[in-house]
Amino acid sequence: MTGLRQAPDPPDDDLAARFRDGDEQALREAYDRYGRAVLHLAGSTLANRSDAEDVTQATFVAAWLGRETFDPAKGSLLGWLLGIGRRKVIDRLRASARESRVVETVRQLPDPAPAGPNPDTVVDRLVVADELARLPEDQRRMLELAFFDDLTHQQISTVTGVPLGTVKSHIRRGMQSLKRRWEVDGAAPGPRAAGLSGTR
C-alpha cells in the first residue's frame, strides 16, 4: 500500500487567476509560495532584516489592493510581485536616505543660511535639472537614484532589475551629457556637481 502523498501546489495560472479574482485563500497561497522570493529581494538590498520584512508585507498588501491591475498576459504573478517589491525597496531606501540627511543636518548644526540663495548655486541647479530632463528616461532614472537618493550602483541594479554593467553605462553616459552641458554653458559645477565624481 502506498502512503498518502501531499497534494501538489495548484498551477501558477490557476493561482494567478484566483488571486486576481479576490480569492483570499489565493492570497495566502501566493504569500506561502512567493513570500520568500520577495523577502530575499528586499533583504539583498536592505541591511535591516526588519525593514526587509516590512517591505515584503507592504508588497503583498499593495498587490492585493491593486490585484485588478495584474495582467497574466503580460507576465507571471511572481514577476509582478517582484516588480512591486522593487518599488517598495526604493521607497524604503529613499525614506532612509531622507532620514539620514535630516539627522546629519541636525547633528552638524550648520550656521544660519544667508538671507538669499547664492545665484551661482541656483543657476547650477537649474542647469542640472534642465539637462536631466533632456536625458533618455533610463539614464535620468539611474542618475536620480544615484545622486538624489544616494544609492550605490549595486543597489540600483538590485532594486530596478537592470544589470550592473548597464546601470554603470547609463550613469556614465548621463554624466558625460551633463559635463558637456556645463562646458557649453560655462556653468561652474557646484556642490552637487562636484559630488557626481563620487559615484559608487
N, C-alpha and C. Protein backbone atom coordinates (compact mmCIF):
# COMPACT_ATOMS: atom_id res chain seq x y z
N MET A 1 0.85 -1.20 0.00
CA MET A 1 0.00 0.00 0.00
C MET A 1 0.88 1.24 0.00
N THR A 2 0.58 2.13 -0.87
CA THR A 2 1.38 3.36 -0.94
C THR A 2 0.89 4.35 0.09
N GLY A 3 1.83 5.16 0.62
CA GLY A 3 1.47 6.17 1.61
C GLY A 3 0.75 7.34 0.96
N LEU A 4 0.12 8.12 1.82
CA LEU A 4 -0.58 9.30 1.33
C LEU A 4 0.43 10.32 0.84
N ARG A 5 0.16 10.91 -0.30
CA ARG A 5 1.04 11.92 -0.85
C ARG A 5 0.40 13.30 -0.69
N GLN A 6 1.27 14.28 -0.41
CA GLN A 6 0.78 15.65 -0.24
C GLN A 6 0.26 16.17 -1.57
N ALA A 7 -0.86 16.86 -1.51
CA ALA A 7 -1.44 17.40 -2.74
C ALA A 7 -0.49 18.42 -3.34
N PRO A 8 -0.29 18.36 -4.66
CA PRO A 8 0.64 19.31 -5.29
C PRO A 8 0.09 20.73 -5.25
N ASP A 9 0.99 21.68 -5.38
CA ASP A 9 0.56 23.08 -5.44
C ASP A 9 -0.30 23.29 -6.68
N PRO A 10 -1.29 24.19 -6.59
CA PRO A 10 -2.08 24.48 -7.78
C PRO A 10 -1.22 25.13 -8.85
N PRO A 11 -1.55 24.95 -10.13
CA PRO A 11 -0.76 25.57 -11.20
C PRO A 11 -0.70 27.09 -11.01
N ASP A 12 0.40 27.67 -11.49
CA ASP A 12 0.57 29.12 -11.35
C ASP A 12 -0.57 29.89 -12.00
N ASP A 13 -1.02 29.42 -13.17
CA ASP A 13 -2.09 30.12 -13.88
C ASP A 13 -3.36 30.13 -13.04
N ASP A 14 -3.66 29.02 -12.41
CA ASP A 14 -4.86 28.94 -11.58
C ASP A 14 -4.74 29.85 -10.37
N LEU A 15 -3.57 29.84 -9.72
CA LEU A 15 -3.35 30.69 -8.55
C LEU A 15 -3.45 32.17 -8.94
N ALA A 16 -2.84 32.53 -10.06
CA ALA A 16 -2.87 33.92 -10.50
C ALA A 16 -4.29 34.39 -10.79
N ALA A 17 -5.07 33.52 -11.43
CA ALA A 17 -6.46 33.89 -11.75
C ALA A 17 -7.28 34.07 -10.48
N ARG A 18 -7.12 33.15 -9.53
CA ARG A 18 -7.88 33.26 -8.28
C ARG A 18 -7.44 34.48 -7.47
N PHE A 19 -6.15 34.77 -7.50
CA PHE A 19 -5.64 35.95 -6.81
C PHE A 19 -6.27 37.21 -7.39
N ARG A 20 -6.28 37.30 -8.71
CA ARG A 20 -6.83 38.49 -9.36
C ARG A 20 -8.33 38.63 -9.10
N ASP A 21 -9.01 37.49 -8.94
CA ASP A 21 -10.45 37.50 -8.69
C ASP A 21 -10.81 37.81 -7.24
N GLY A 22 -9.79 37.94 -6.37
CA GLY A 22 -10.07 38.30 -4.99
C GLY A 22 -10.27 37.13 -4.04
N ASP A 23 -9.77 35.97 -4.42
CA ASP A 23 -9.86 34.80 -3.55
C ASP A 23 -8.84 34.94 -2.42
N GLU A 24 -9.33 35.10 -1.19
CA GLU A 24 -8.42 35.31 -0.06
C GLU A 24 -7.51 34.11 0.18
N GLN A 25 -7.98 32.92 -0.13
CA GLN A 25 -7.13 31.74 0.01
C GLN A 25 -5.97 31.81 -0.98
N ALA A 26 -6.21 32.39 -2.14
CA ALA A 26 -5.15 32.55 -3.13
C ALA A 26 -4.09 33.51 -2.62
N LEU A 27 -4.51 34.52 -1.87
CA LEU A 27 -3.53 35.45 -1.27
C LEU A 27 -2.62 34.69 -0.31
N ARG A 28 -3.19 33.85 0.51
CA ARG A 28 -2.41 33.05 1.45
C ARG A 28 -1.44 32.14 0.71
N GLU A 29 -1.94 31.50 -0.34
CA GLU A 29 -1.10 30.59 -1.12
C GLU A 29 0.02 31.36 -1.83
N ALA A 30 -0.31 32.53 -2.35
CA ALA A 30 0.71 33.34 -3.03
C ALA A 30 1.80 33.76 -2.06
N TYR A 31 1.40 34.12 -0.85
CA TYR A 31 2.40 34.51 0.16
C TYR A 31 3.27 33.32 0.53
N ASP A 32 2.65 32.16 0.72
CA ASP A 32 3.41 30.96 1.07
C ASP A 32 4.39 30.58 -0.04
N ARG A 33 3.98 30.77 -1.27
CA ARG A 33 4.80 30.33 -2.40
C ARG A 33 5.86 31.36 -2.78
N TYR A 34 5.52 32.65 -2.73
CA TYR A 34 6.41 33.68 -3.25
C TYR A 34 6.96 34.64 -2.20
N GLY A 35 6.48 34.53 -0.97
CA GLY A 35 6.93 35.45 0.07
C GLY A 35 8.43 35.42 0.29
N ARG A 36 9.03 34.25 0.24
CA ARG A 36 10.48 34.15 0.47
C ARG A 36 11.26 34.81 -0.66
N ALA A 37 10.75 34.75 -1.88
CA ALA A 37 11.44 35.39 -3.00
C ALA A 37 11.41 36.91 -2.84
N VAL A 38 10.26 37.44 -2.42
CA VAL A 38 10.17 38.88 -2.20
C VAL A 38 11.06 39.30 -1.04
N LEU A 39 11.06 38.49 0.03
CA LEU A 39 11.91 38.79 1.18
C LEU A 39 13.38 38.76 0.80
N HIS A 40 13.76 37.81 -0.05
CA HIS A 40 15.16 37.73 -0.50
C HIS A 40 15.54 38.98 -1.29
N LEU A 41 14.63 39.43 -2.17
CA LEU A 41 14.88 40.64 -2.94
C LEU A 41 15.11 41.82 -2.02
N ALA A 42 14.22 41.98 -1.04
CA ALA A 42 14.34 43.12 -0.10
C ALA A 42 15.59 42.98 0.76
N GLY A 43 15.85 41.77 1.26
CA GLY A 43 16.99 41.56 2.14
C GLY A 43 18.33 41.72 1.44
N SER A 44 18.36 41.52 0.12
CA SER A 44 19.63 41.65 -0.61
C SER A 44 20.04 43.11 -0.76
N THR A 45 19.11 44.04 -0.50
CA THR A 45 19.40 45.46 -0.63
C THR A 45 19.36 46.18 0.70
N LEU A 46 18.40 45.84 1.53
CA LEU A 46 18.22 46.50 2.82
C LEU A 46 19.03 45.79 3.89
N ALA A 47 19.81 46.53 4.64
CA ALA A 47 20.68 45.93 5.66
C ALA A 47 19.88 45.44 6.86
N ASN A 48 18.75 46.06 7.11
CA ASN A 48 17.95 45.74 8.29
C ASN A 48 16.93 44.66 7.96
N ARG A 49 16.97 43.53 8.67
CA ARG A 49 16.03 42.43 8.43
C ARG A 49 14.59 42.88 8.66
N SER A 50 14.38 43.70 9.67
CA SER A 50 13.04 44.19 9.96
C SER A 50 12.49 45.01 8.80
N ASP A 51 13.36 45.84 8.20
CA ASP A 51 12.93 46.63 7.05
C ASP A 51 12.55 45.72 5.88
N ALA A 52 13.33 44.66 5.68
CA ALA A 52 13.04 43.73 4.59
C ALA A 52 11.70 43.04 4.81
N GLU A 53 11.41 42.68 6.05
CA GLU A 53 10.13 42.04 6.36
C GLU A 53 8.98 43.02 6.16
N ASP A 54 9.19 44.28 6.56
CA ASP A 54 8.16 45.30 6.36
C ASP A 54 7.88 45.50 4.88
N VAL A 55 8.95 45.52 4.08
CA VAL A 55 8.79 45.71 2.63
C VAL A 55 8.04 44.52 2.03
N THR A 56 8.34 43.32 2.49
CA THR A 56 7.65 42.13 1.99
C THR A 56 6.16 42.21 2.28
N GLN A 57 5.83 42.60 3.51
CA GLN A 57 4.42 42.73 3.87
C GLN A 57 3.75 43.83 3.04
N ALA A 58 4.44 44.97 2.90
CA ALA A 58 3.88 46.09 2.12
C ALA A 58 3.67 45.68 0.67
N THR A 59 4.56 44.83 0.15
CA THR A 59 4.43 44.38 -1.24
C THR A 59 3.14 43.59 -1.44
N PHE A 60 2.86 42.66 -0.52
CA PHE A 60 1.66 41.84 -0.68
C PHE A 60 0.39 42.64 -0.40
N VAL A 61 0.46 43.59 0.51
CA VAL A 61 -0.70 44.46 0.75
C VAL A 61 -1.01 45.26 -0.51
N ALA A 62 0.05 45.86 -1.10
CA ALA A 62 -0.14 46.65 -2.31
C ALA A 62 -0.64 45.77 -3.46
N ALA A 63 -0.10 44.57 -3.56
CA ALA A 63 -0.52 43.66 -4.63
C ALA A 63 -2.00 43.28 -4.47
N TRP A 64 -2.38 43.01 -3.25
CA TRP A 64 -3.78 42.61 -3.01
C TRP A 64 -4.73 43.77 -3.30
N LEU A 65 -4.38 44.96 -2.85
CA LEU A 65 -5.24 46.12 -3.08
C LEU A 65 -5.30 46.49 -4.56
N GLY A 66 -4.22 46.21 -5.29
CA GLY A 66 -4.17 46.55 -6.71
C GLY A 66 -4.26 45.34 -7.62
N ARG A 67 -4.85 44.26 -7.11
CA ARG A 67 -4.85 42.99 -7.86
C ARG A 67 -5.54 43.10 -9.21
N GLU A 68 -6.49 44.04 -9.37
CA GLU A 68 -7.19 44.17 -10.64
C GLU A 68 -6.28 44.69 -11.75
N THR A 69 -5.13 45.26 -11.37
CA THR A 69 -4.20 45.76 -12.38
C THR A 69 -3.26 44.66 -12.89
N PHE A 70 -3.29 43.50 -12.24
CA PHE A 70 -2.43 42.40 -12.67
C PHE A 70 -2.98 41.80 -13.96
N ASP A 71 -2.10 41.70 -14.95
CA ASP A 71 -2.49 41.13 -16.24
C ASP A 71 -1.64 39.90 -16.52
N PRO A 72 -2.21 38.71 -16.34
CA PRO A 72 -1.43 37.47 -16.56
C PRO A 72 -0.83 37.39 -17.96
N ALA A 73 -1.44 38.08 -18.92
CA ALA A 73 -0.91 38.02 -20.29
C ALA A 73 0.42 38.74 -20.41
N LYS A 74 0.72 39.62 -19.46
CA LYS A 74 1.96 40.40 -19.52
C LYS A 74 3.09 39.80 -18.68
N GLY A 75 2.80 38.77 -17.91
CA GLY A 75 3.85 38.17 -17.11
C GLY A 75 3.28 37.35 -15.97
N SER A 76 4.17 36.70 -15.24
CA SER A 76 3.75 35.83 -14.15
C SER A 76 3.39 36.62 -12.90
N LEU A 77 2.70 35.96 -12.00
CA LEU A 77 2.35 36.58 -10.72
C LEU A 77 3.61 36.88 -9.92
N LEU A 78 4.59 35.98 -9.97
CA LEU A 78 5.84 36.21 -9.25
C LEU A 78 6.56 37.44 -9.80
N GLY A 79 6.65 37.54 -11.12
CA GLY A 79 7.31 38.70 -11.71
C GLY A 79 6.63 40.00 -11.34
N TRP A 80 5.31 39.98 -11.30
CA TRP A 80 4.54 41.17 -10.93
C TRP A 80 4.80 41.53 -9.47
N LEU A 81 4.82 40.53 -8.60
CA LEU A 81 5.10 40.77 -7.18
C LEU A 81 6.50 41.33 -6.97
N LEU A 82 7.48 40.79 -7.70
CA LEU A 82 8.85 41.28 -7.56
C LEU A 82 8.97 42.73 -8.06
N GLY A 83 8.20 43.06 -9.10
CA GLY A 83 8.20 44.44 -9.58
C GLY A 83 7.68 45.40 -8.51
N ILE A 84 6.61 45.00 -7.84
CA ILE A 84 6.08 45.81 -6.73
C ILE A 84 7.11 45.87 -5.61
N GLY A 85 7.74 44.73 -5.34
CA GLY A 85 8.74 44.68 -4.27
C GLY A 85 9.90 45.63 -4.53
N ARG A 86 10.36 45.71 -5.78
CA ARG A 86 11.46 46.62 -6.12
C ARG A 86 11.06 48.06 -5.84
N ARG A 87 9.84 48.42 -6.19
CA ARG A 87 9.39 49.80 -5.94
C ARG A 87 9.30 50.08 -4.44
N LYS A 88 8.87 49.08 -3.68
CA LYS A 88 8.78 49.27 -2.23
C LYS A 88 10.17 49.39 -1.61
N VAL A 89 11.14 48.65 -2.15
CA VAL A 89 12.52 48.76 -1.65
C VAL A 89 13.05 50.16 -1.94
N ILE A 90 12.81 50.66 -3.15
CA ILE A 90 13.24 52.02 -3.49
C ILE A 90 12.61 53.03 -2.55
N ASP A 91 11.31 52.87 -2.28
CA ASP A 91 10.64 53.79 -1.36
C ASP A 91 11.30 53.77 0.01
N ARG A 92 11.64 52.56 0.49
CA ARG A 92 12.26 52.45 1.81
C ARG A 92 13.66 53.06 1.82
N LEU A 93 14.43 52.84 0.75
CA LEU A 93 15.77 53.42 0.67
C LEU A 93 15.70 54.95 0.61
N ARG A 94 14.74 55.45 -0.14
CA ARG A 94 14.57 56.90 -0.21
C ARG A 94 14.21 57.48 1.15
N ALA A 95 13.29 56.82 1.85
CA ALA A 95 12.89 57.30 3.17
C ALA A 95 14.08 57.27 4.14
N SER A 96 14.87 56.19 4.08
CA SER A 96 16.04 56.08 4.97
C SER A 96 17.07 57.15 4.64
N ALA A 97 17.26 57.40 3.33
CA ALA A 97 18.23 58.43 2.94
C ALA A 97 17.79 59.80 3.42
N ARG A 98 16.49 60.09 3.29
CA ARG A 98 15.98 61.38 3.77
C ARG A 98 16.17 61.51 5.28
N GLU A 99 15.86 60.43 6.01
CA GLU A 99 16.02 60.47 7.46
C GLU A 99 17.48 60.69 7.85
N SER A 100 18.39 60.00 7.13
CA SER A 100 19.81 60.15 7.43
C SER A 100 20.29 61.57 7.17
N ARG A 101 19.80 62.15 6.08
CA ARG A 101 20.22 63.52 5.77
C ARG A 101 19.70 64.50 6.83
N VAL A 102 18.47 64.29 7.29
CA VAL A 102 17.92 65.17 8.32
C VAL A 102 18.71 65.04 9.61
N VAL A 103 18.99 63.79 10.01
CA VAL A 103 19.74 63.56 11.25
C VAL A 103 21.12 64.19 11.16
N GLU A 104 21.78 64.02 10.02
CA GLU A 104 23.13 64.56 9.85
C GLU A 104 23.11 66.08 9.87
N THR A 105 22.09 66.66 9.24
CA THR A 105 21.97 68.12 9.23
C THR A 105 21.79 68.67 10.64
N VAL A 106 20.92 68.03 11.40
CA VAL A 106 20.69 68.48 12.78
C VAL A 106 21.93 68.28 13.62
N ARG A 107 22.62 67.16 13.42
CA ARG A 107 23.81 66.87 14.22
C ARG A 107 24.90 67.90 14.00
N GLN A 108 25.08 68.30 12.77
CA GLN A 108 26.14 69.25 12.45
C GLN A 108 25.80 70.69 12.84
N LEU A 109 24.52 70.96 13.09
CA LEU A 109 24.08 72.31 13.48
C LEU A 109 24.75 73.37 12.60
N PRO A 110 24.43 73.40 11.33
CA PRO A 110 25.07 74.36 10.42
C PRO A 110 24.74 75.80 10.79
N ASP A 111 25.59 76.70 10.30
CA ASP A 111 25.35 78.12 10.52
C ASP A 111 24.05 78.53 9.83
N PRO A 112 23.41 79.58 10.31
CA PRO A 112 22.18 80.04 9.67
C PRO A 112 22.42 80.33 8.19
N ALA A 113 21.42 80.00 7.40
CA ALA A 113 21.52 80.23 5.96
C ALA A 113 21.58 81.72 5.67
N PRO A 114 22.25 82.12 4.60
CA PRO A 114 22.29 83.54 4.23
C PRO A 114 20.89 84.04 3.88
N ALA A 115 20.76 85.34 3.81
CA ALA A 115 19.45 85.95 3.57
C ALA A 115 18.84 85.47 2.26
N GLY A 116 19.64 85.24 1.25
CA GLY A 116 19.12 84.80 -0.04
C GLY A 116 19.99 83.70 -0.62
N PRO A 117 19.47 82.91 -1.56
CA PRO A 117 20.27 81.83 -2.16
C PRO A 117 21.40 82.40 -3.01
N ASN A 118 22.47 81.64 -3.09
CA ASN A 118 23.60 82.01 -3.92
C ASN A 118 23.19 81.91 -5.39
N PRO A 119 23.27 83.00 -6.15
CA PRO A 119 22.83 82.95 -7.56
C PRO A 119 23.54 81.87 -8.36
N ASP A 120 24.84 81.69 -8.11
CA ASP A 120 25.58 80.67 -8.86
C ASP A 120 25.02 79.28 -8.58
N THR A 121 24.69 79.04 -7.31
CA THR A 121 24.14 77.73 -6.94
C THR A 121 22.80 77.50 -7.61
N VAL A 122 21.98 78.53 -7.64
CA VAL A 122 20.67 78.42 -8.28
C VAL A 122 20.82 78.10 -9.76
N VAL A 123 21.75 78.80 -10.42
CA VAL A 123 21.99 78.56 -11.85
C VAL A 123 22.45 77.12 -12.08
N ASP A 124 23.40 76.67 -11.26
CA ASP A 124 23.91 75.30 -11.41
C ASP A 124 22.79 74.28 -11.30
N ARG A 125 21.91 74.48 -10.31
CA ARG A 125 20.83 73.52 -10.10
C ARG A 125 19.85 73.54 -11.26
N LEU A 126 19.59 74.72 -11.79
CA LEU A 126 18.69 74.81 -12.94
C LEU A 126 19.28 74.12 -14.15
N VAL A 127 20.60 74.29 -14.35
CA VAL A 127 21.27 73.64 -15.48
C VAL A 127 21.18 72.12 -15.33
N VAL A 128 21.44 71.63 -14.12
CA VAL A 128 21.38 70.18 -13.89
C VAL A 128 19.97 69.66 -14.12
N ALA A 129 18.98 70.35 -13.56
CA ALA A 129 17.60 69.92 -13.71
C ALA A 129 17.18 69.93 -15.18
N ASP A 130 17.58 70.95 -15.91
CA ASP A 130 17.23 71.06 -17.32
C ASP A 130 17.87 69.95 -18.13
N GLU A 131 19.15 69.67 -17.84
CA GLU A 131 19.85 68.62 -18.60
C GLU A 131 19.30 67.24 -18.26
N LEU A 132 18.96 67.01 -16.98
CA LEU A 132 18.37 65.73 -16.61
C LEU A 132 17.07 65.49 -17.38
N ALA A 133 16.29 66.54 -17.54
CA ALA A 133 15.02 66.42 -18.25
C ALA A 133 15.23 66.05 -19.72
N ARG A 134 16.40 66.36 -20.27
CA ARG A 134 16.68 66.06 -21.68
C ARG A 134 17.22 64.65 -21.88
N LEU A 135 17.68 64.02 -20.82
CA LEU A 135 18.28 62.70 -20.95
C LEU A 135 17.22 61.64 -21.25
N PRO A 136 17.63 60.54 -21.88
CA PRO A 136 16.71 59.41 -22.04
C PRO A 136 16.24 58.94 -20.66
N GLU A 137 15.05 58.37 -20.62
CA GLU A 137 14.43 58.02 -19.34
C GLU A 137 15.32 57.11 -18.49
N ASP A 138 15.96 56.09 -19.11
CA ASP A 138 16.79 55.16 -18.35
C ASP A 138 17.97 55.88 -17.70
N GLN A 139 18.65 56.75 -18.46
CA GLN A 139 19.79 57.48 -17.91
C GLN A 139 19.34 58.39 -16.78
N ARG A 140 18.23 59.10 -17.01
CA ARG A 140 17.74 60.03 -15.99
C ARG A 140 17.38 59.29 -14.70
N ARG A 141 16.72 58.16 -14.84
CA ARG A 141 16.31 57.41 -13.65
C ARG A 141 17.52 56.93 -12.86
N MET A 142 18.54 56.42 -13.56
CA MET A 142 19.74 55.93 -12.87
C MET A 142 20.46 57.07 -12.14
N LEU A 143 20.56 58.24 -12.79
CA LEU A 143 21.22 59.38 -12.15
C LEU A 143 20.44 59.85 -10.93
N GLU A 144 19.13 59.89 -11.04
CA GLU A 144 18.32 60.34 -9.91
C GLU A 144 18.47 59.39 -8.72
N LEU A 145 18.46 58.09 -8.99
CA LEU A 145 18.62 57.11 -7.91
C LEU A 145 20.01 57.22 -7.28
N ALA A 146 21.03 57.48 -8.13
CA ALA A 146 22.41 57.54 -7.64
C ALA A 146 22.68 58.80 -6.83
N PHE A 147 22.20 59.95 -7.31
CA PHE A 147 22.62 61.21 -6.72
C PHE A 147 21.58 61.86 -5.82
N PHE A 148 20.30 61.66 -6.12
CA PHE A 148 19.29 62.26 -5.28
C PHE A 148 18.87 61.32 -4.16
N ASP A 149 18.97 60.00 -4.40
CA ASP A 149 18.58 59.03 -3.38
C ASP A 149 19.78 58.31 -2.77
N ASP A 150 21.01 58.67 -3.21
CA ASP A 150 22.24 58.14 -2.61
C ASP A 150 22.34 56.62 -2.66
N LEU A 151 21.90 56.00 -3.76
CA LEU A 151 22.02 54.55 -3.90
C LEU A 151 23.33 54.21 -4.61
N THR A 152 23.92 53.10 -4.24
CA THR A 152 25.11 52.62 -4.94
C THR A 152 24.69 51.97 -6.26
N HIS A 153 25.67 51.75 -7.13
CA HIS A 153 25.37 51.07 -8.39
C HIS A 153 24.74 49.71 -8.13
N GLN A 154 25.28 48.96 -7.17
CA GLN A 154 24.75 47.63 -6.89
C GLN A 154 23.32 47.70 -6.37
N GLN A 155 23.02 48.68 -5.52
CA GLN A 155 21.65 48.83 -5.01
C GLN A 155 20.70 49.18 -6.15
N ILE A 156 21.13 50.06 -7.06
CA ILE A 156 20.29 50.42 -8.19
C ILE A 156 20.00 49.19 -9.04
N SER A 157 21.02 48.38 -9.28
CA SER A 157 20.85 47.16 -10.08
C SER A 157 19.86 46.22 -9.42
N THR A 158 19.96 46.09 -8.09
CA THR A 158 19.09 45.16 -7.37
C THR A 158 17.64 45.61 -7.39
N VAL A 159 17.41 46.88 -7.09
CA VAL A 159 16.02 47.34 -6.97
C VAL A 159 15.33 47.56 -8.31
N THR A 160 16.10 47.78 -9.38
CA THR A 160 15.49 48.00 -10.68
C THR A 160 15.50 46.75 -11.55
N GLY A 161 16.35 45.78 -11.21
CA GLY A 161 16.46 44.59 -12.04
C GLY A 161 17.31 44.79 -13.28
N VAL A 162 17.96 45.95 -13.38
CA VAL A 162 18.82 46.25 -14.53
C VAL A 162 20.23 45.72 -14.24
N PRO A 163 20.87 45.03 -15.19
CA PRO A 163 22.22 44.52 -14.95
C PRO A 163 23.18 45.62 -14.49
N LEU A 164 24.13 45.24 -13.60
CA LEU A 164 25.05 46.22 -13.03
C LEU A 164 25.82 46.97 -14.12
N GLY A 165 26.28 46.27 -15.14
CA GLY A 165 27.04 46.92 -16.21
C GLY A 165 26.19 47.95 -16.95
N THR A 166 24.92 47.64 -17.14
CA THR A 166 24.02 48.59 -17.81
C THR A 166 23.78 49.81 -16.95
N VAL A 167 23.64 49.59 -15.63
CA VAL A 167 23.48 50.71 -14.70
C VAL A 167 24.67 51.66 -14.82
N LYS A 168 25.87 51.10 -14.77
CA LYS A 168 27.08 51.92 -14.84
C LYS A 168 27.15 52.66 -16.18
N SER A 169 26.75 51.98 -17.26
CA SER A 169 26.80 52.59 -18.58
C SER A 169 25.83 53.76 -18.67
N HIS A 170 24.60 53.58 -18.15
CA HIS A 170 23.62 54.67 -18.18
C HIS A 170 24.13 55.87 -17.39
N ILE A 171 24.69 55.62 -16.22
CA ILE A 171 25.17 56.72 -15.37
C ILE A 171 26.36 57.42 -16.04
N ARG A 172 27.27 56.65 -16.64
CA ARG A 172 28.44 57.24 -17.29
C ARG A 172 28.01 58.13 -18.46
N ARG A 173 27.09 57.64 -19.29
CA ARG A 173 26.65 58.44 -20.43
C ARG A 173 25.88 59.68 -19.97
N GLY A 174 25.08 59.51 -18.93
CA GLY A 174 24.34 60.66 -18.41
C GLY A 174 25.26 61.72 -17.86
N MET A 175 26.32 61.31 -17.16
CA MET A 175 27.27 62.27 -16.60
C MET A 175 28.04 62.99 -17.70
N GLN A 176 28.34 62.25 -18.77
CA GLN A 176 29.04 62.88 -19.90
C GLN A 176 28.18 63.97 -20.52
N SER A 177 26.87 63.70 -20.61
CA SER A 177 25.96 64.71 -21.16
C SER A 177 25.91 65.93 -20.25
N LEU A 178 25.85 65.70 -18.94
CA LEU A 178 25.84 66.82 -18.00
C LEU A 178 27.12 67.63 -18.10
N LYS A 179 28.25 66.93 -18.21
CA LYS A 179 29.54 67.63 -18.29
C LYS A 179 29.61 68.49 -19.53
N ARG A 180 29.15 67.96 -20.66
CA ARG A 180 29.16 68.75 -21.91
C ARG A 180 28.29 69.99 -21.77
N ARG A 181 27.16 69.84 -21.09
CA ARG A 181 26.27 71.00 -20.93
C ARG A 181 26.95 72.07 -20.08
N TRP A 182 27.61 71.65 -18.99
CA TRP A 182 28.29 72.63 -18.13
C TRP A 182 29.38 73.36 -18.93
N GLU A 183 30.10 72.60 -19.75
CA GLU A 183 31.18 73.22 -20.52
C GLU A 183 30.64 74.19 -21.56
N VAL A 184 29.53 73.82 -22.21
CA VAL A 184 28.95 74.69 -23.23
C VAL A 184 28.37 75.96 -22.61
N ASP A 185 27.67 75.79 -21.47
CA ASP A 185 27.02 76.93 -20.83
C ASP A 185 27.96 77.72 -19.92
N GLY A 186 29.15 77.15 -19.66
CA GLY A 186 30.09 77.85 -18.80
C GLY A 186 29.67 77.85 -17.35
N ALA A 187 28.83 76.87 -16.96
CA ALA A 187 28.37 76.81 -15.57
C ALA A 187 29.41 76.12 -14.74
N ALA A 188 29.81 76.75 -13.64
CA ALA A 188 30.79 76.15 -12.74
C ALA A 188 30.09 75.13 -11.88
N PRO A 189 30.57 73.88 -11.88
CA PRO A 189 29.92 72.86 -11.07
C PRO A 189 29.88 73.27 -9.60
N GLY A 190 28.71 73.15 -9.00
CA GLY A 190 28.53 73.47 -7.59
C GLY A 190 28.72 72.24 -6.74
N PRO A 191 28.23 72.27 -5.48
CA PRO A 191 28.41 71.13 -4.59
C PRO A 191 27.84 69.85 -5.14
N ARG A 192 26.65 69.91 -5.77
CA ARG A 192 26.05 68.68 -6.32
C ARG A 192 26.88 68.16 -7.46
N ALA A 193 27.34 69.06 -8.34
CA ALA A 193 28.12 68.61 -9.48
C ALA A 193 29.43 68.00 -9.02
N ALA A 194 30.05 68.59 -8.00
CA ALA A 194 31.30 68.03 -7.50
C ALA A 194 31.10 66.63 -6.99
N GLY A 195 29.91 66.37 -6.47
CA GLY A 195 29.63 65.05 -5.92
C GLY A 195 29.43 64.01 -6.98
N LEU A 196 29.23 64.40 -8.23
CA LEU A 196 28.97 63.41 -9.27
C LEU A 196 30.15 62.51 -9.49
N SER A 197 31.35 63.00 -9.22
CA SER A 197 32.54 62.18 -9.47
C SER A 197 32.67 61.08 -8.43
N GLY A 198 31.87 61.11 -7.39
CA GLY A 198 31.99 60.12 -6.34
C GLY A 198 30.99 58.99 -6.45
N THR A 199 30.56 58.66 -7.66
CA THR A 199 29.60 57.60 -7.81
C THR A 199 30.20 56.27 -7.40
N ARG A 200 29.30 55.39 -6.97
CA ARG A 200 29.80 54.13 -6.43
C ARG A 200 29.29 52.96 -7.24
